[in-house]
Every structure is written in structure tokens, then in C-alpha cells.
Amino acid sequence: MAGNKDFTQLRKLLIHHFNIAELRVLCFDLGVDYEELEGTTKTTKMQDLILYLERRGELPLLIDAVREARPGVNWPDLSEESKLDKTSETMPAGDSYTNQKTGLEMIRIPAGEYLYSDENRVDYLPEYWISKTPVTNRHYVRFVRATNEKTPEHWKGKSPPGDIADHPVVYVSFDDAAAYAKWAGMQMPTEQEWEKAARGTDGRKYPWGNDWQENHCNTYESGILGKTPVSQFSPQGNSPYGLEDMSGNVWERTDSWYYDDKEFRVIRGGSWTSNADEARAAYRYRTRPSDRDHNGGFRLVVRRPLSQEGV
């Protein structure tokens, strides 16, 4: 991460090139609550915005946004993507780590047997890692700004509306999701990987257990009738491994085919439009790879061995 000298330069440039009204718009586009920033002056607000995004590892998003708004300014380069592309992912001791390129928290799923499908067949998977949440708009915007890929249709320019930054990204096709996965150095999950992460090894019906609880996930029964932030039903709706939103909110794409003719991909988990049956961990449904649905998202896995060395 850049040092204090770079932060000072960035702060001075922001103060010079953005007024208060423009700062509010910038915060909105970045999913930051302007009113929660410390201080009352433009200078203190700018400084706290920088520190807030630095703590979250999201300063490159700020640089991307101001470069787009003021392309003629010589903004400092705070991106670490060039370094990340040349190094292995860090895997600290424990059961989770944060992918620095995407901001996704990854959860370890241990190797071993588990019960799969409605028939509770015994199956086996080697160890893998899966994102704790579906990919959100906040995660996806990094990809869009780095690659100039097509944005979801409901976004405002190159940024999502600030009030949905932590909602799952939707209106993305399978190819869009796969392109994001390739950029991130990850993979789309198979439906077997998705299901084990959702229900653990004991064959439970839902991530939290066998009994339906309408206040544990965002389905039609919850009465919300729209997407929610990915952590809204945590921890009560978490899977045995601590994953969030494995039931409801948005359908999640997998790398598996629904039929042998390879016309449809399997989607899992149900969405805010689904009933309790569709929100079961073993429930399978389908969508065409080209579809961009208002209630369809995705999460990612890592199967390759991770380096024990620091980045």
C-alpha cells in the first residue's frame, strides 16, 4: 500500500479538483456514507474518505473513479494489481483469507465426504476455498474498471448506485461471471462444491438446519420482495462453514450443466422470488448461459494450492 506521502498528494489533488457537492457524488458512487465521514470541512472529509477506503483495501477504486471524472489530472498510482498478478495468493494459517484483488473473503472447505442431492448420496471432494458471500456490486466494480467490461444494465456509468454496493451483482451472464473469475484468478463452482459449502456434511435441508425459518434468508416468504445486502441474514442464516446467503437473495450460477445437451447451466440457492422449497440446499434449477437475470448472481471458488508465503 502506498505511504503517507502518496496520501498527502492524493488529498491535495482531491481538495483542489472536487467541491463538496462533487465529493458527495463520489462517496455515493463508491458506496460510502458521506455523513459518516469524520469532520465538517472538505479537507477533513477528504482525509477520512481516503483513510476509510485504505482500511478496506479499496483505494484503487477511488483512483479509478477520480481518473474517470478528471482524466487530465496526474493522479498517484496506488494500485497493487501489478504486484498481485506476479505473486501467489496469501493463505494465512486458519480457515479464511481475503483475496486482495477482489476483496472477497474466502472460506476453506475441508476435503472429505459429504451427503449430496435429495437422495443424500455419499460423495467426496478435495479441499477448496469458496467466497463467503456472492460477488457484490462493490466487488464487481473493481473488475469493470480494470478491464472496461460491460456493466450491469442498472448501474450508473462505471459505478453501481451507492445504496446497492453490498447487494449481490445481478444482470450478469455466465460468460460475464466466468470472465470475472478468470480476472480474479479463481473459478466458477461446480454444483457439488456449491452444495457441500451450503449444507456441510450432515445432509441438512437448509444451511442452518432442517427446519424452515423465514427470518433466516431472503425469499418470497420474508416479504422483502427485493434484493438485500449480502450479510443481512448473518449469522442466523449461515451455512456450517460460515457462508452467507446460500439460501435466497439471488440464484447462484455454477459451472455444471443441467442436461447433457449443454443448453442450460445449473443454478442453486433460490432468490428473493423463491419459495422455501427452492431455497433448499439440494434444489437444482437452470438458466441459459447467456441470460442476464434480475435475480441471478454468483460466487467463486479456488481449487489450486495457495502459497504459505506473504504477498
Protein backbone atom coordinates (compact mmCIF):
# COMPACT_ATOMS: atom_id res chain seq x y z
CA MET A 1 0.00 0.00 0.00
CA ALA A 2 1.19 3.48 -0.69
CA GLY A 3 2.76 5.53 2.05
CA ASN A 4 1.69 8.77 3.73
CA LYS A 5 3.39 10.93 1.09
CA ASP A 6 1.12 9.50 -1.58
CA PHE A 7 -1.93 10.00 0.64
CA THR A 8 -0.96 13.65 1.13
CA GLN A 9 -0.63 14.16 -2.61
CA LEU A 10 -3.96 12.44 -3.21
CA ARG A 11 -5.70 14.53 -0.55
CA LYS A 12 -4.39 17.79 -2.03
CA LEU A 13 -5.49 16.81 -5.52
CA LEU A 14 -8.97 15.82 -4.30
CA ILE A 15 -9.38 19.10 -2.43
CA HIS A 16 -8.28 21.10 -5.48
CA HIS A 17 -10.37 19.28 -8.10
CA PHE A 18 -13.60 18.36 -6.25
CA ASN A 19 -16.07 20.58 -4.42
CA ILE A 20 -18.35 19.42 -1.61
CA ALA A 21 -21.25 18.55 -3.92
CA GLU A 22 -18.94 16.52 -6.15
CA LEU A 23 -17.46 14.80 -3.10
CA ARG A 24 -20.96 13.71 -2.09
CA VAL A 25 -21.49 12.19 -5.55
CA LEU A 26 -18.10 10.49 -5.37
CA CYS A 27 -18.98 8.95 -2.00
CA PHE A 28 -22.33 7.78 -3.34
CA ASP A 29 -20.68 6.10 -6.33
CA LEU A 30 -18.18 4.35 -4.04
CA GLY A 31 -20.85 3.14 -1.62
CA VAL A 32 -19.60 5.38 1.20
CA ASP A 33 -21.95 7.29 3.53
CA TYR A 34 -20.80 10.91 3.27
CA GLU A 35 -22.48 11.85 6.56
CA GLU A 36 -20.49 9.17 8.40
CA LEU A 37 -17.13 10.64 7.37
CA GLU A 38 -15.29 12.42 10.19
CA GLY A 39 -15.12 16.21 10.32
CA THR A 40 -17.16 19.06 8.92
CA THR A 41 -14.82 20.61 6.35
CA LYS A 42 -13.96 19.46 2.85
CA THR A 43 -10.38 18.81 3.94
CA THR A 44 -11.30 16.56 6.87
CA LYS A 45 -13.96 14.74 4.86
CA MET A 46 -11.46 14.04 2.06
CA GLN A 47 -8.88 12.78 4.54
CA ASP A 48 -11.34 10.43 6.25
CA LEU A 49 -12.58 9.12 2.90
CA ILE A 50 -9.00 8.18 1.98
CA LEU A 51 -8.37 6.50 5.34
CA TYR A 52 -11.71 4.65 5.22
CA LEU A 53 -11.02 3.23 1.76
CA GLU A 54 -7.41 2.43 2.69
CA ARG A 55 -8.62 0.34 5.65
CA ARG A 56 -10.92 -1.59 3.32
CA GLY A 57 -8.26 -2.09 0.67
CA GLU A 58 -10.34 -0.04 -1.79
CA LEU A 59 -8.13 2.95 -2.58
CA PRO A 60 -7.66 1.71 -6.17
CA LEU A 61 -11.43 2.15 -6.61
CA LEU A 62 -11.12 5.79 -5.59
CA ILE A 63 -8.27 6.32 -8.04
CA ASP A 64 -10.28 4.72 -10.84
CA ALA A 65 -13.28 6.93 -10.05
CA VAL A 66 -11.36 10.22 -9.94
CA ARG A 67 -9.40 9.35 -13.08
CA GLU A 68 -12.69 8.85 -14.89
CA ALA A 69 -14.08 12.13 -13.54
CA ARG A 70 -10.87 14.18 -14.03
CA PRO A 71 -8.83 12.39 -16.73
CA GLY A 72 -6.41 15.29 -17.22
CA VAL A 73 -5.05 15.17 -13.66
CA ASN A 74 -1.86 13.26 -12.80
CA TRP A 75 -3.35 11.09 -10.06
CA PRO A 76 -0.96 8.97 -7.93
CA ASP A 77 -0.82 5.25 -8.70
CA LEU A 78 -1.99 3.38 -5.59
CA SER A 79 -2.99 0.20 -7.40
CA GLU A 80 -1.38 -3.02 -6.25
CA GLU A 81 -2.76 -5.10 -9.09
CA SER A 82 0.59 -5.31 -10.89
CA LYS A 83 2.15 -6.79 -7.76
CA LEU A 84 -0.76 -9.15 -7.19
CA ASP A 85 -0.50 -10.51 -10.71
CA LYS A 86 3.09 -11.58 -10.06
CA THR A 87 2.67 -13.21 -6.68
CA SER A 88 0.80 -16.10 -5.15
CA GLU A 89 -2.27 -15.53 -3.03
CA THR A 90 -1.57 -15.38 0.67
CA MET A 91 -3.15 -18.15 2.72
CA PRO A 92 -2.67 -17.44 6.43
CA ALA A 93 -2.96 -20.23 8.96
CA GLY A 94 -6.66 -20.78 9.57
CA ASP A 95 -9.87 -21.27 7.65
CA SER A 96 -10.25 -17.99 5.78
CA TYR A 97 -8.29 -15.35 3.89
CA THR A 98 -9.11 -12.23 1.89
CA ASN A 99 -8.30 -12.11 -1.81
CA GLN A 100 -6.63 -8.73 -2.21
CA LYS A 101 -7.51 -8.27 -5.87
CA THR A 102 -11.26 -8.70 -5.44
CA GLY A 103 -11.82 -8.04 -1.73
CA LEU A 104 -13.65 -11.38 -1.45
CA GLU A 105 -13.27 -13.28 1.81
CA MET A 106 -12.57 -16.93 1.01
CA ILE A 107 -13.58 -19.81 3.31
CA ARG A 108 -11.83 -23.18 3.40
CA ILE A 109 -13.98 -26.25 2.79
CA PRO A 110 -12.03 -29.28 4.09
CA ALA A 111 -11.50 -32.38 1.97
CA GLY A 112 -13.82 -35.25 2.79
CA GLU A 113 -17.12 -37.00 2.28
CA TYR A 114 -20.49 -35.27 2.38
CA LEU A 115 -24.12 -36.05 1.53
CA TYR A 116 -25.19 -34.84 -1.91
CA SER A 117 -28.57 -34.27 -3.60
CA ASP A 118 -32.09 -35.10 -2.43
CA GLU A 119 -31.06 -38.76 -2.29
CA ASN A 120 -28.24 -37.96 0.18
CA ARG A 121 -25.66 -39.85 -1.84
CA VAL A 122 -22.22 -40.10 -0.26
CA ASP A 123 -19.72 -38.14 -2.33
CA TYR A 124 -16.16 -36.85 -1.83
CA LEU A 125 -14.46 -33.56 -2.67
CA PRO A 126 -10.85 -32.46 -2.16
CA GLU A 127 -10.19 -29.25 -0.25
CA TYR A 128 -11.22 -26.00 -1.90
CA TRP A 129 -11.99 -22.41 -0.96
CA ILE A 130 -15.25 -20.58 -1.70
CA SER A 131 -16.25 -16.95 -1.31
CA LYS A 132 -18.12 -16.21 1.90
CA THR A 133 -20.72 -14.17 0.02
CA PRO A 134 -21.93 -13.85 -3.53
CA VAL A 135 -19.91 -11.35 -5.56
CA THR A 136 -21.34 -7.92 -4.76
CA ASN A 137 -21.51 -4.74 -6.81
CA ARG A 138 -18.63 -3.46 -4.66
CA HIS A 139 -16.52 -6.45 -5.71
CA TYR A 140 -17.61 -6.34 -9.36
CA VAL A 141 -16.81 -2.67 -9.92
CA ARG A 142 -13.10 -3.39 -9.47
CA PHE A 143 -13.28 -5.78 -12.42
CA VAL A 144 -15.25 -3.36 -14.59
CA ARG A 145 -12.80 -0.52 -14.01
CA ALA A 146 -9.76 -2.74 -14.55
CA THR A 147 -11.00 -4.35 -17.77
CA ASN A 148 -13.62 -2.00 -19.26
CA GLU A 149 -16.05 -4.92 -19.37
CA LYS A 150 -19.76 -4.26 -19.89
CA THR A 151 -21.51 -3.00 -16.75
CA PRO A 152 -24.79 -4.44 -15.46
CA GLU A 153 -27.71 -2.60 -17.04
CA HIS A 154 -28.94 -0.94 -13.83
CA TRP A 155 -25.58 0.68 -12.97
CA LYS A 156 -24.85 4.38 -13.29
CA GLY A 157 -21.98 4.60 -15.77
CA LYS A 158 -19.00 2.62 -14.49
CA SER A 159 -20.31 2.53 -10.91
CA PRO A 160 -23.28 0.90 -9.19
CA PRO A 161 -25.68 3.11 -7.24
CA GLY A 162 -24.16 3.57 -3.79
CA ASP A 163 -27.14 2.16 -1.92
CA ILE A 164 -26.69 -1.27 -3.56
CA ALA A 165 -22.90 -1.54 -3.27
CA ASP A 166 -23.22 -4.51 -0.91
CA HIS A 167 -26.04 -6.22 -2.81
CA PRO A 168 -25.15 -9.21 -5.00
CA VAL A 169 -24.29 -8.17 -8.53
CA VAL A 170 -27.06 -9.19 -10.96
CA TYR A 171 -27.80 -8.85 -14.69
CA VAL A 172 -24.58 -10.77 -15.41
CA SER A 173 -24.44 -13.76 -17.76
CA PHE A 174 -22.44 -16.92 -17.19
CA ASP A 175 -19.77 -15.58 -19.55
CA ASP A 176 -19.64 -12.33 -17.56
CA ALA A 177 -19.18 -14.29 -14.34
CA ALA A 178 -16.56 -16.55 -15.91
CA ALA A 179 -14.63 -13.51 -17.18
CA TYR A 180 -14.67 -12.06 -13.66
CA ALA A 181 -13.44 -15.39 -12.29
CA LYS A 182 -10.59 -15.51 -14.82
CA TRP A 183 -9.57 -11.94 -13.98
CA ALA A 184 -9.63 -12.82 -10.27
CA GLY A 185 -7.58 -15.99 -10.74
CA MET A 186 -10.47 -18.12 -9.47
CA GLN A 187 -13.09 -20.48 -10.87
CA MET A 188 -16.85 -20.91 -11.01
CA PRO A 189 -18.00 -23.58 -8.53
CA THR A 190 -19.42 -26.91 -9.60
CA GLU A 191 -22.85 -27.65 -8.17
CA GLN A 192 -21.22 -30.28 -5.94
CA GLU A 193 -18.83 -27.70 -4.48
CA TRP A 194 -21.69 -25.26 -4.03
CA GLU A 195 -23.89 -27.80 -2.25
CA LYS A 196 -21.24 -29.03 0.18
CA ALA A 197 -20.46 -25.44 1.13
CA ALA A 198 -24.17 -24.77 1.67
CA ARG A 199 -25.18 -27.77 3.77
CA GLY A 200 -21.97 -29.20 5.23
CA THR A 201 -21.62 -32.94 5.66
CA ASP A 202 -24.78 -33.95 7.54
CA GLY A 203 -27.34 -33.71 4.73
CA ARG A 204 -29.37 -30.87 6.26
CA LYS A 205 -32.12 -29.29 4.16
CA TYR A 206 -31.09 -25.67 4.67
CA PRO A 207 -27.77 -24.04 5.53
CA TRP A 208 -28.87 -23.54 9.15
CA GLY A 209 -30.62 -26.90 9.71
CA ASN A 210 -33.64 -28.96 8.71
CA ASP A 211 -36.45 -26.63 9.77
CA TRP A 212 -37.61 -23.78 7.57
CA GLN A 213 -37.07 -20.33 9.14
CA GLU A 214 -38.37 -17.43 7.06
CA ASN A 215 -36.26 -14.91 9.02
CA HIS A 216 -33.04 -16.76 8.11
CA CYS A 217 -32.95 -15.80 4.41
CA ASN A 218 -34.43 -13.50 1.78
CA THR A 219 -37.14 -15.44 -0.06
CA TYR A 220 -40.69 -14.56 -1.07
CA GLU A 221 -41.90 -15.61 2.39
CA SER A 222 -39.80 -12.91 4.05
CA GLY A 223 -41.97 -10.23 2.44
CA ILE A 224 -38.99 -8.07 1.43
CA LEU A 225 -39.63 -8.53 -2.31
CA GLY A 226 -36.22 -7.36 -3.46
CA LYS A 227 -32.50 -7.94 -3.04
CA THR A 228 -30.77 -7.30 0.30
CA PRO A 229 -27.16 -6.70 1.40
CA VAL A 230 -25.29 -10.00 1.50
CA SER A 231 -24.80 -10.04 5.29
CA GLN A 232 -28.33 -9.06 6.29
CA PHE A 233 -29.28 -12.60 7.36
CA SER A 234 -25.99 -13.43 9.07
CA PRO A 235 -25.26 -15.21 11.33
CA GLN A 236 -28.66 -16.90 11.69
CA GLY A 237 -28.77 -17.97 8.04
CA ASN A 238 -25.13 -19.04 7.73
CA SER A 239 -24.02 -22.44 6.47
CA PRO A 240 -21.99 -24.79 8.73
CA TYR A 241 -18.82 -23.23 7.30
CA GLY A 242 -19.99 -19.67 7.95
CA LEU A 243 -21.02 -18.83 4.39
CA GLU A 244 -23.71 -16.20 3.91
CA ASP A 245 -26.68 -16.01 1.53
CA MET A 246 -26.60 -19.67 0.49
CA SER A 247 -30.40 -19.59 0.61
CA GLY A 248 -32.39 -16.86 -1.09
CA ASN A 249 -31.49 -13.33 -2.22
CA VAL A 250 -30.14 -14.36 -5.66
CA TRP A 251 -29.81 -17.60 -7.58
CA GLU A 252 -26.14 -18.53 -7.92
CA ARG A 253 -24.61 -19.77 -11.16
CA THR A 254 -22.46 -22.89 -11.23
CA ASP A 255 -20.10 -24.42 -13.77
CA SER A 256 -22.28 -27.55 -14.08
CA TRP A 257 -24.64 -28.38 -16.95
CA TYR A 258 -28.28 -29.16 -16.16
CA TYR A 259 -28.74 -31.55 -19.10
CA ASP A 260 -26.24 -33.47 -21.21
CA ASP A 261 -27.12 -31.33 -24.25
CA LYS A 262 -25.37 -28.39 -22.53
CA GLU A 263 -28.11 -25.87 -23.17
CA PHE A 264 -28.64 -24.86 -19.54
CA ARG A 265 -26.33 -24.29 -16.57
CA VAL A 266 -27.30 -25.29 -13.05
CA ILE A 267 -28.19 -22.52 -10.61
CA ARG A 268 -28.57 -23.03 -6.87
CA GLY A 269 -29.88 -21.44 -3.70
CA GLY A 270 -33.10 -19.75 -4.74
CA SER A 271 -33.68 -16.00 -4.72
CA TRP A 272 -35.90 -13.32 -3.24
CA THR A 273 -38.64 -14.51 -5.62
CA SER A 274 -38.37 -18.16 -4.49
CA ASN A 275 -40.35 -20.26 -2.03
CA ALA A 276 -38.99 -22.39 0.80
CA ASP A 277 -38.67 -25.48 -1.39
CA GLU A 278 -36.49 -23.70 -3.94
CA ALA A 279 -34.28 -22.37 -1.14
CA ARG A 280 -33.24 -25.89 -0.08
CA ALA A 281 -29.52 -26.62 -0.39
CA ALA A 282 -30.13 -29.61 -2.68
CA TYR A 283 -32.62 -27.87 -5.00
CA ARG A 284 -31.47 -27.59 -8.63
CA TYR A 285 -32.73 -25.17 -11.26
CA ARG A 286 -31.46 -23.98 -14.62
CA THR A 287 -30.73 -20.93 -16.75
CA ARG A 288 -29.19 -20.34 -20.15
CA PRO A 289 -25.55 -19.20 -20.05
CA SER A 290 -26.49 -16.05 -21.99
CA ASP A 291 -29.29 -14.99 -19.62
CA ARG A 292 -28.80 -11.83 -17.57
CA ASP A 293 -31.40 -12.13 -14.83
CA HIS A 294 -32.58 -9.59 -12.26
CA ASN A 295 -32.31 -12.25 -9.54
CA GLY A 296 -29.20 -14.16 -10.62
CA GLY A 297 -25.66 -13.80 -9.25
CA PHE A 298 -22.63 -15.96 -8.49
CA ARG A 299 -19.80 -16.74 -6.09
CA LEU A 300 -16.33 -18.15 -6.79
CA VAL A 301 -14.01 -20.95 -5.70
CA VAL A 302 -10.25 -21.52 -5.60
CA ARG A 303 -9.04 -25.07 -6.15
CA ARG A 304 -5.32 -24.52 -6.70
CA PRO A 305 -2.91 -24.84 -3.74
CA LEU A 306 -2.33 -21.49 -2.06
CA SER A 307 1.11 -20.18 -1.16
CA GLN A 308 2.06 -20.07 2.52
CA GLU A 309 4.29 -17.08 1.76
CA GLY A 310 3.20 -13.49 2.17
CA VAL A 311 2.38 -11.30 -0.79
